[in-house]
PDB file of N, CA and C in Angstrom:
ATOM      1  N   MET A   1     -14.879   1.073   7.590  1.00  0.00           N
ATOM      2  CA  MET A   1     -13.852   1.400   6.633  1.00  0.00           C
ATOM      3  C   MET A   1     -14.504   2.134   5.462  1.00  0.00           C
ATOM      4  N   LYS A   2     -14.201   3.408   5.332  1.00  0.00           N
ATOM      5  CA  LYS A   2     -14.771   4.229   4.271  1.00  0.00           C
ATOM      6  C   LYS A   2     -13.932   4.088   3.000  1.00  0.00           C
ATOM      7  N   LYS A   3     -14.586   3.712   1.914  1.00  0.00           N
ATOM      8  CA  LYS A   3     -13.893   3.567   0.645  1.00  0.00           C
ATOM      9  C   LYS A   3     -13.737   4.929  -0.014  1.00  0.00           C
ATOM     10  N   HIS A   4     -12.615   5.114  -0.689  1.00  0.00           N
ATOM     11  CA  HIS A   4     -12.387   6.316  -1.478  1.00  0.00           C
ATOM     12  C   HIS A   4     -13.009   6.119  -2.849  1.00  0.00           C
ATOM     13  N   LYS A   5     -13.316   7.218  -3.493  1.00  0.00           N
ATOM     14  CA  LYS A   5     -13.974   7.172  -4.790  1.00  0.00           C
ATOM     15  C   LYS A   5     -13.149   6.383  -5.815  1.00  0.00           C
ATOM     16  N   ASN A   6     -11.869   6.600  -5.843  1.00  0.00           N
ATOM     17  CA  ASN A   6     -10.978   5.952  -6.815  1.00  0.00           C
ATOM     18  C   ASN A   6     -10.077   4.921  -6.139  1.00  0.00           C
ATOM     19  N   GLU A   7     -10.620   4.133  -5.232  1.00  0.00           N
ATOM     20  CA  GLU A   7      -9.795   3.236  -4.425  1.00  0.00           C
ATOM     21  C   GLU A   7      -8.986   2.253  -5.265  1.00  0.00           C
ATOM     22  N   ASP A   8      -9.539   1.721  -6.327  1.00  0.00           N
ATOM     23  CA  ASP A   8      -8.802   0.766  -7.158  1.00  0.00           C
ATOM     24  C   ASP A   8      -7.579   1.420  -7.802  1.00  0.00           C
ATOM     25  N   LYS A   9      -7.770   2.623  -8.331  1.00  0.00           N
ATOM     26  CA  LYS A   9      -6.657   3.337  -8.958  1.00  0.00           C
ATOM     27  C   LYS A   9      -5.632   3.767  -7.913  1.00  0.00           C
ATOM     28  N   LEU A  10      -6.109   4.167  -6.742  1.00  0.00           N
ATOM     29  CA  LEU A  10      -5.198   4.555  -5.671  1.00  0.00           C
ATOM     30  C   LEU A  10      -4.380   3.354  -5.198  1.00  0.00           C
ATOM     31  N   LEU A  11      -5.006   2.190  -5.118  1.00  0.00           N
ATOM     32  CA  LEU A  11      -4.283   0.986  -4.729  1.00  0.00           C
ATOM     33  C   LEU A  11      -3.227   0.637  -5.766  1.00  0.00           C
ATOM     34  N   LYS A  12      -3.568   0.762  -7.029  1.00  0.00           N
ATOM     35  CA  LYS A  12      -2.611   0.482  -8.096  1.00  0.00           C
ATOM     36  C   LYS A  12      -1.402   1.412  -7.985  1.00  0.00           C
ATOM     37  N   LEU A  13      -1.646   2.691  -7.720  1.00  0.00           N
ATOM     38  CA  LEU A  13      -0.563   3.653  -7.550  1.00  0.00           C
ATOM     39  C   LEU A  13       0.254   3.330  -6.299  1.00  0.00           C
ATOM     40  N   ALA A  14      -0.420   2.957  -5.226  1.00  0.00           N
ATOM     41  CA  ALA A  14       0.277   2.596  -3.986  1.00  0.00           C
ATOM     42  C   ALA A  14       1.184   1.389  -4.225  1.00  0.00           C
ATOM     43  N   MET A  15       0.714   0.430  -4.993  1.00  0.00           N
ATOM     44  CA  MET A  15       1.513  -0.755  -5.283  1.00  0.00           C
ATOM     45  C   MET A  15       2.740  -0.381  -6.127  1.00  0.00           C
ATOM     46  N   GLN A  16       2.557   0.504  -7.104  1.00  0.00           N
ATOM     47  CA  GLN A  16       3.684   0.922  -7.934  1.00  0.00           C
ATOM     48  C   GLN A  16       4.738   1.640  -7.095  1.00  0.00           C
ATOM     49  N   LEU A  17       4.291   2.581  -6.281  1.00  0.00           N
ATOM     50  CA  LEU A  17       5.233   3.330  -5.457  1.00  0.00           C
ATOM     51  C   LEU A  17       5.825   2.457  -4.357  1.00  0.00           C
ATOM     52  N   GLY A  18       5.029   1.538  -3.835  1.00  0.00           N
ATOM     53  CA  GLY A  18       5.530   0.612  -2.828  1.00  0.00           C
ATOM     54  C   GLY A  18       6.605  -0.301  -3.384  1.00  0.00           C
ATOM     55  N   ARG A  19       6.412  -0.790  -4.611  1.00  0.00           N
ATOM     56  CA  ARG A  19       7.433  -1.627  -5.247  1.00  0.00           C
ATOM     57  C   ARG A  19       8.714  -0.827  -5.485  1.00  0.00           C
ATOM     58  N   ALA A  20       8.551   0.417  -5.937  1.00  0.00           N
ATOM     59  CA  ALA A  20       9.722   1.271  -6.166  1.00  0.00           C
ATOM     60  C   ALA A  20      10.459   1.533  -4.849  1.00  0.00           C
ATOM     61  N   TYR A  21       9.711   1.785  -3.786  1.00  0.00           N
ATOM     62  CA  TYR A  21      10.318   2.011  -2.476  1.00  0.00           C
ATOM     63  C   TYR A  21      11.054   0.760  -2.011  1.00  0.00           C
ATOM     64  N   ALA A  22      10.431  -0.398  -2.181  1.00  0.00           N
ATOM     65  CA  ALA A  22      11.055  -1.656  -1.768  1.00  0.00           C
ATOM     66  C   ALA A  22      12.344  -1.898  -2.540  1.00  0.00           C
ATOM     67  N   THR A  23      12.346  -1.596  -3.820  1.00  0.00           N
ATOM     68  CA  THR A  23      13.543  -1.777  -4.639  1.00  0.00           C
ATOM     69  C   THR A  23      14.660  -0.858  -4.166  1.00  0.00           C
ATOM     70  N   LYS A  24      14.331   0.398  -3.882  1.00  0.00           N
ATOM     71  CA  LYS A  24      15.337   1.343  -3.386  1.00  0.00           C
ATOM     72  C   LYS A  24      15.912   0.901  -2.045  1.00  0.00           C
ATOM     73  N   ARG A  25      15.102   0.230  -1.250  1.00  0.00           N
ATOM     74  CA  ARG A  25      15.558  -0.260   0.055  1.00  0.00           C
ATOM     75  C   ARG A  25      16.345  -1.563  -0.071  1.00  0.00           C
ATOM     76  N   GLY A  26      16.424  -2.099  -1.306  1.00  0.00           N
ATOM     77  CA  GLY A  26      17.185  -3.316  -1.520  1.00  0.00           C
ATOM     78  C   GLY A  26      16.395  -4.589  -1.283  1.00  0.00           C
ATOM     79  N   TYR A  27      15.076  -4.458  -1.192  1.00  0.00           N
ATOM     80  CA  TYR A  27      14.232  -5.625  -0.975  1.00  0.00           C
ATOM     81  C   TYR A  27      13.903  -6.239  -2.328  1.00  0.00           C
ATOM     82  N   GLY A  28      14.356  -7.450  -2.556  1.00  0.00           N
ATOM     83  CA  GLY A  28      14.156  -8.097  -3.845  1.00  0.00           C
ATOM     84  C   GLY A  28      13.048  -9.129  -3.843  1.00  0.00           C
ATOM     85  N   GLY A  29      12.203  -9.152  -2.835  1.00  0.00           N
ATOM     86  CA  GLY A  29      11.195 -10.188  -2.704  1.00  0.00           C
ATOM     87  C   GLY A  29       9.905  -9.953  -3.463  1.00  0.00           C
ATOM     88  N   LEU A  30       9.852  -8.958  -4.306  1.00  0.00           N
ATOM     89  CA  LEU A  30       8.601  -8.666  -5.015  1.00  0.00           C
ATOM     90  C   LEU A  30       8.693  -9.031  -6.496  1.00  0.00           C
ATOM     91  N   ASP A  31       9.226 -10.190  -6.781  1.00  0.00           N
ATOM     92  CA  ASP A  31       9.319 -10.595  -8.176  1.00  0.00           C
ATOM     93  C   ASP A  31       7.935 -10.891  -8.753  1.00  0.00           C
ATOM     94  N   LYS A  32       7.863 -11.023 -10.030  1.00  0.00           N
ATOM     95  CA  LYS A  32       6.574 -11.150 -10.721  1.00  0.00           C
ATOM     96  C   LYS A  32       5.864 -12.471 -10.467  1.00  0.00           C
ATOM     97  N   ALA A  33       6.526 -13.439  -9.896  1.00  0.00           N
ATOM     98  CA  ALA A  33       5.908 -14.745  -9.672  1.00  0.00           C
ATOM     99  C   ALA A  33       4.973 -14.749  -8.461  1.00  0.00           C
ATOM    100  N   GLU A  34       5.087 -13.784  -7.580  1.00  0.00           N
ATOM    101  CA  GLU A  34       4.246 -13.747  -6.383  1.00  0.00           C
ATOM    102  C   GLU A  34       2.825 -13.311  -6.716  1.00  0.00           C
ATOM    103  N   SER A  35       1.899 -13.715  -5.879  1.00  0.00           N
ATOM    104  CA  SER A  35       0.511 -13.289  -6.073  1.00  0.00           C
ATOM    105  C   SER A  35       0.357 -11.842  -5.616  1.00  0.00           C
ATOM    106  N   ASN A  36      -0.702 -11.209  -6.071  1.00  0.00           N
ATOM    107  CA  ASN A  36      -0.969  -9.827  -5.698  1.00  0.00           C
ATOM    108  C   ASN A  36      -1.179  -9.711  -4.189  1.00  0.00           C
ATOM    109  N   LYS A  37      -1.818 -10.714  -3.595  1.00  0.00           N
ATOM    110  CA  LYS A  37      -2.042 -10.721  -2.144  1.00  0.00           C
ATOM    111  C   LYS A  37      -0.720 -10.684  -1.392  1.00  0.00           C
ATOM    112  N   ASP A  38       0.244 -11.481  -1.857  1.00  0.00           N
ATOM    113  CA  ASP A  38       1.561 -11.508  -1.218  1.00  0.00           C
ATOM    114  C   ASP A  38       2.291 -10.182  -1.383  1.00  0.00           C
ATOM    115  N   LYS A  39       2.150  -9.568  -2.553  1.00  0.00           N
ATOM    116  CA  LYS A  39       2.793  -8.276  -2.790  1.00  0.00           C
ATOM    117  C   LYS A  39       2.211  -7.205  -1.875  1.00  0.00           C
ATOM    118  N   VAL A  40       0.891  -7.190  -1.731  1.00  0.00           N
ATOM    119  CA  VAL A  40       0.236  -6.226  -0.842  1.00  0.00           C
ATOM    120  C   VAL A  40       0.756  -6.402   0.579  1.00  0.00           C
ATOM    121  N   GLU A  41       0.817  -7.634   1.038  1.00  0.00           N
ATOM    122  CA  GLU A  41       1.276  -7.896   2.406  1.00  0.00           C
ATOM    123  C   GLU A  41       2.742  -7.523   2.588  1.00  0.00           C
ATOM    124  N   ALA A  42       3.584  -7.812   1.599  1.00  0.00           N
ATOM    125  CA  ALA A  42       5.011  -7.493   1.703  1.00  0.00           C
ATOM    126  C   ALA A  42       5.229  -5.979   1.759  1.00  0.00           C
ATOM    127  N   ILE A  43       4.528  -5.247   0.918  1.00  0.00           N
ATOM    128  CA  ILE A  43       4.665  -3.784   0.922  1.00  0.00           C
ATOM    129  C   ILE A  43       4.134  -3.212   2.224  1.00  0.00           C
ATOM    130  N   TYR A  44       2.997  -3.723   2.685  1.00  0.00           N
ATOM    131  CA  TYR A  44       2.432  -3.275   3.954  1.00  0.00           C
ATOM    132  C   TYR A  44       3.439  -3.495   5.086  1.00  0.00           C
ATOM    133  N   ARG A  45       4.003  -4.685   5.171  1.00  0.00           N
ATOM    134  CA  ARG A  45       4.939  -5.012   6.254  1.00  0.00           C
ATOM    135  C   ARG A  45       6.216  -4.173   6.172  1.00  0.00           C
ATOM    136  N   LEU A  46       6.686  -3.889   4.967  1.00  0.00           N
ATOM    137  CA  LEU A  46       7.866  -3.039   4.805  1.00  0.00           C
ATOM    138  C   LEU A  46       7.574  -1.623   5.294  1.00  0.00           C
ATOM    139  N   LEU A  47       6.415  -1.088   4.925  1.00  0.00           N
ATOM    140  CA  LEU A  47       6.050   0.267   5.350  1.00  0.00           C
ATOM    141  C   LEU A  47       5.843   0.344   6.858  1.00  0.00           C
ATOM    142  N   VAL A  48       5.273  -0.697   7.443  1.00  0.00           N
ATOM    143  CA  VAL A  48       5.110  -0.740   8.899  1.00  0.00           C
ATOM    144  C   VAL A  48       6.480  -0.825   9.571  1.00  0.00           C
ATOM    145  N   ASN A  49       7.344  -1.678   9.044  1.00  0.00           N
ATOM    146  CA  ASN A  49       8.681  -1.853   9.608  1.00  0.00           C
ATOM    147  C   ASN A  49       9.465  -0.535   9.588  1.00  0.00           C
ATOM    148  N   ASP A  50       9.315   0.236   8.517  1.00  0.00           N
ATOM    149  CA  ASP A  50      10.008   1.517   8.386  1.00  0.00           C
ATOM    150  C   ASP A  50       9.248   2.667   9.047  1.00  0.00           C
ATOM    151  N   LYS A  51       8.148   2.329   9.713  1.00  0.00           N
ATOM    152  CA  LYS A  51       7.319   3.295  10.447  1.00  0.00           C
ATOM    153  C   LYS A  51       6.744   4.402   9.552  1.00  0.00           C
ATOM    154  N   LEU A  52       6.411   4.019   8.313  1.00  0.00           N
ATOM    155  CA  LEU A  52       5.767   4.951   7.395  1.00  0.00           C
ATOM    156  C   LEU A  52       4.248   4.880   7.504  1.00  0.00           C
ATOM    157  N   ILE A  53       3.749   3.759   8.016  1.00  0.00           N
ATOM    158  CA  ILE A  53       2.329   3.613   8.304  1.00  0.00           C
ATOM    159  C   ILE A  53       2.190   2.919   9.650  1.00  0.00           C
ATOM    160  N   SER A  54       1.063   3.146  10.291  1.00  0.00           N
ATOM    161  CA  SER A  54       0.833   2.482  11.569  1.00  0.00           C
ATOM    162  C   SER A  54       0.262   1.086  11.311  1.00  0.00           C
ATOM    163  N   PRO A  55       0.644   0.124  12.134  1.00  0.00           N
ATOM    164  CA  PRO A  55       0.176  -1.249  11.915  1.00  0.00           C
ATOM    165  C   PRO A  55      -1.286  -1.427  12.311  1.00  0.00           C
ATOM    166  N   LEU A  56      -1.918  -2.361  11.644  1.00  0.00           N
ATOM    167  CA  LEU A  56      -3.267  -2.765  12.009  1.00  0.00           C
ATOM    168  C   LEU A  56      -3.195  -3.719  13.200  1.00  0.00           C
ATOM    169  N   PRO A  57      -4.262  -3.814  13.983  1.00  0.00           N
ATOM    170  CA  PRO A  57      -4.292  -4.869  15.005  1.00  0.00           C
ATOM    171  C   PRO A  57      -4.209  -6.230  14.308  1.00  0.00           C
ATOM    172  N   GLU A  58      -3.589  -7.192  14.962  1.00  0.00           N
ATOM    173  CA  GLU A  58      -3.364  -8.503  14.332  1.00  0.00           C
ATOM    174  C   GLU A  58      -4.651  -9.157  13.849  1.00  0.00           C
ATOM    175  N   ASP A  59      -5.743  -8.979  14.570  1.00  0.00           N
ATOM    176  CA  ASP A  59      -6.991  -9.622  14.157  1.00  0.00           C
ATOM    177  C   ASP A  59      -7.650  -8.916  12.968  1.00  0.00           C
ATOM    178  N   LYS A  60      -7.125  -7.765  12.570  1.00  0.00           N
ATOM    179  CA  LYS A  60      -7.663  -7.024  11.418  1.00  0.00           C
ATOM    180  C   LYS A  60      -6.769  -7.126  10.189  1.00  0.00           C
ATOM    181  N   GLU A  61      -5.698  -7.904  10.266  1.00  0.00           N
ATOM    182  CA  GLU A  61      -4.768  -8.029   9.149  1.00  0.00           C
ATOM    183  C   GLU A  61      -5.298  -9.012   8.113  1.00  0.00           C
ATOM    184  N   ASP A  62      -6.234  -8.551   7.303  1.00  0.00           N
ATOM    185  CA  ASP A  62      -6.733  -9.364   6.199  1.00  0.00           C
ATOM    186  C   ASP A  62      -6.583  -8.558   4.911  1.00  0.00           C
ATOM    187  N   GLY A  63      -6.846  -9.193   3.796  1.00  0.00           N
ATOM    188  CA  GLY A  63      -6.638  -8.575   2.492  1.00  0.00           C
ATOM    189  C   GLY A  63      -7.260  -7.206   2.317  1.00  0.00           C
ATOM    190  N   PRO A  64      -8.577  -7.068   2.547  1.00  0.00           N
ATOM    191  CA  PRO A  64      -9.198  -5.757   2.344  1.00  0.00           C
ATOM    192  C   PRO A  64      -8.631  -4.664   3.259  1.00  0.00           C
ATOM    193  N   ASN A  65      -8.327  -5.000   4.499  1.00  0.00           N
ATOM    194  CA  ASN A  65      -7.784  -3.999   5.419  1.00  0.00           C
ATOM    195  C   ASN A  65      -6.356  -3.609   5.053  1.00  0.00           C
ATOM    196  N   LEU A  66      -5.550  -4.562   4.593  1.00  0.00           N
ATOM    197  CA  LEU A  66      -4.190  -4.240   4.158  1.00  0.00           C
ATOM    198  C   LEU A  66      -4.235  -3.320   2.945  1.00  0.00           C
ATOM    199  N   LYS A  67      -5.103  -3.632   2.003  1.00  0.00           N
ATOM    200  CA  LYS A  67      -5.239  -2.796   0.807  1.00  0.00           C
ATOM    201  C   LYS A  67      -5.711  -1.403   1.184  1.00  0.00           C
ATOM    202  N   HIS A  68      -6.676  -1.324   2.087  1.00  0.00           N
ATOM    203  CA  HIS A  68      -7.196  -0.026   2.513  1.00  0.00           C
ATOM    204  C   HIS A  68      -6.105   0.793   3.204  1.00  0.00           C
ATOM    205  N   ARG A  69      -5.273   0.133   4.003  1.00  0.00           N
ATOM    206  CA  ARG A  69      -4.184   0.841   4.687  1.00  0.00           C
ATOM    207  C   ARG A  69      -3.184   1.393   3.669  1.00  0.00           C
ATOM    208  N   LEU A  70      -2.911   0.643   2.596  1.00  0.00           N
ATOM    209  CA  LEU A  70      -2.026   1.137   1.536  1.00  0.00           C
ATOM    210  C   LEU A  70      -2.655   2.321   0.813  1.00  0.00           C
ATOM    211  N   VAL A  71      -3.971   2.271   0.622  1.00  0.00           N
ATOM    212  CA  VAL A  71      -4.668   3.402  -0.007  1.00  0.00           C
ATOM    213  C   VAL A  71      -4.559   4.634   0.883  1.00  0.00           C
ATOM    214  N   LEU A  72      -4.752   4.463   2.173  1.00  0.00           N
ATOM    215  CA  LEU A  72      -4.630   5.605   3.094  1.00  0.00           C
ATOM    216  C   LEU A  72      -3.215   6.183   3.061  1.00  0.00           C
ATOM    217  N   TRP A  73      -2.224   5.306   2.948  1.00  0.00           N
ATOM    218  CA  TRP A  73      -0.836   5.762   2.864  1.00  0.00           C
ATOM    219  C   TRP A  73      -0.624   6.606   1.614  1.00  0.00           C
ATOM    220  N   ILE A  74      -1.094   6.124   0.463  1.00  0.00           N
ATOM    221  CA  ILE A  74      -0.851   6.855  -0.776  1.00  0.00           C
ATOM    222  C   ILE A  74      -1.639   8.160  -0.791  1.00  0.00           C
ATOM    223  N   VAL A  75      -2.828   8.172  -0.210  1.00  0.00           N
ATOM    224  CA  VAL A  75      -3.615   9.407  -0.135  1.00  0.00           C
ATOM    225  C   VAL A  75      -2.849  10.462   0.665  1.00  0.00           C
ATOM    226  N   SER A  76      -2.170  10.036   1.711  1.00  0.00           N
ATOM    227  CA  SER A  76      -1.407  10.999   2.522  1.00  0.00           C
ATOM    228  C   SER A  76      -0.165  11.503   1.796  1.00  0.00           C
ATOM    229  N   GLN A  77       0.293  10.782   0.770  1.00  0.00           N
ATOM    230  CA  GLN A  77       1.482  11.171   0.021  1.00  0.00           C
ATOM    231  C   GLN A  77       1.169  12.089  -1.163  1.00  0.00           C
ATOM    232  N   LEU A  78      -0.059  12.066  -1.623  1.00  0.00           N
ATOM    233  CA  LEU A  78      -0.440  12.835  -2.806  1.00  0.00           C
ATOM    234  C   LEU A  78      -0.791  14.276  -2.439  1.00  0.00           C
ATOM    235  N   PRO A  79      -0.554  15.211  -3.368  1.00  0.00           N
ATOM    236  CA  PRO A  79      -0.989  16.591  -3.116  1.00  0.00           C
ATOM    237  C   PRO A  79      -2.523  16.674  -3.109  1.00  0.00           C
ATOM    238  N   GLU A  80      -3.052  17.638  -2.400  1.00  0.00           N
ATOM    239  CA  GLU A  80      -4.509  17.758  -2.247  1.00  0.00           C
ATOM    240  C   GLU A  80      -5.257  17.865  -3.568  1.00  0.00           C
ATOM    241  N   ASN A  81      -4.633  18.453  -4.568  1.00  0.00           N
ATOM    242  CA  ASN A  81      -5.318  18.663  -5.838  1.00  0.00           C
ATOM    243  C   ASN A  81      -5.050  17.547  -6.857  1.00  0.00           C
ATOM    244  N   HIS A  82      -4.541  16.411  -6.425  1.00  0.00           N
ATOM    245  CA  HIS A  82      -4.271  15.288  -7.339  1.00  0.00           C
ATOM    246  C   HIS A  82      -5.590  14.789  -7.905  1.00  0.00           C
ATOM    247  N   GLU A  83      -5.572  14.394  -9.178  1.00  0.00           N
ATOM    248  CA  GLU A  83      -6.803  13.978  -9.871  1.00  0.00           C
ATOM    249  C   GLU A  83      -7.497  12.778  -9.223  1.00  0.00           C
ATOM    250  N   LEU A  84      -6.736  11.869  -8.614  1.00  0.00           N
ATOM    251  CA  LEU A  84      -7.367  10.700  -7.977  1.00  0.00           C
ATOM    252  C   LEU A  84      -8.068  11.033  -6.671  1.00  0.00           C
ATOM    253  N   LEU A  85      -7.816  12.188  -6.120  1.00  0.00           N
ATOM    254  CA  LEU A  85      -8.453  12.590  -4.873  1.00  0.00           C
ATOM    255  C   LEU A  85      -9.712  13.415  -5.096  1.00  0.00           C
ATOM    256  N   GLN A  86     -10.007  13.689  -6.331  1.00  0.00           N
ATOM    257  CA  GLN A  86     -11.196  14.519  -6.644  1.00  0.00           C
ATOM    258  C   GLN A  86     -12.455  13.698  -6.628  1.00  0.00           C
TER     259      GLN A  86
END
């Protein structure tokens, strides 16, 4: 798993956009009381369910891999010249 230079910032952006996407889809399960781990998993599962990202094998579904998959998703959504991709 190759880390991106700005992976933490990319993950933060992925979480923001993932929450916004979940809200638009009518998913209300991302309230502020949940842990960050639960939020990452919920956004990942929503994106997989909507076929926006490909699922990980079940034995690879752990925290770091879920976060990395969200980073890969957001990288594919950003324009090539975005500051976080430099």
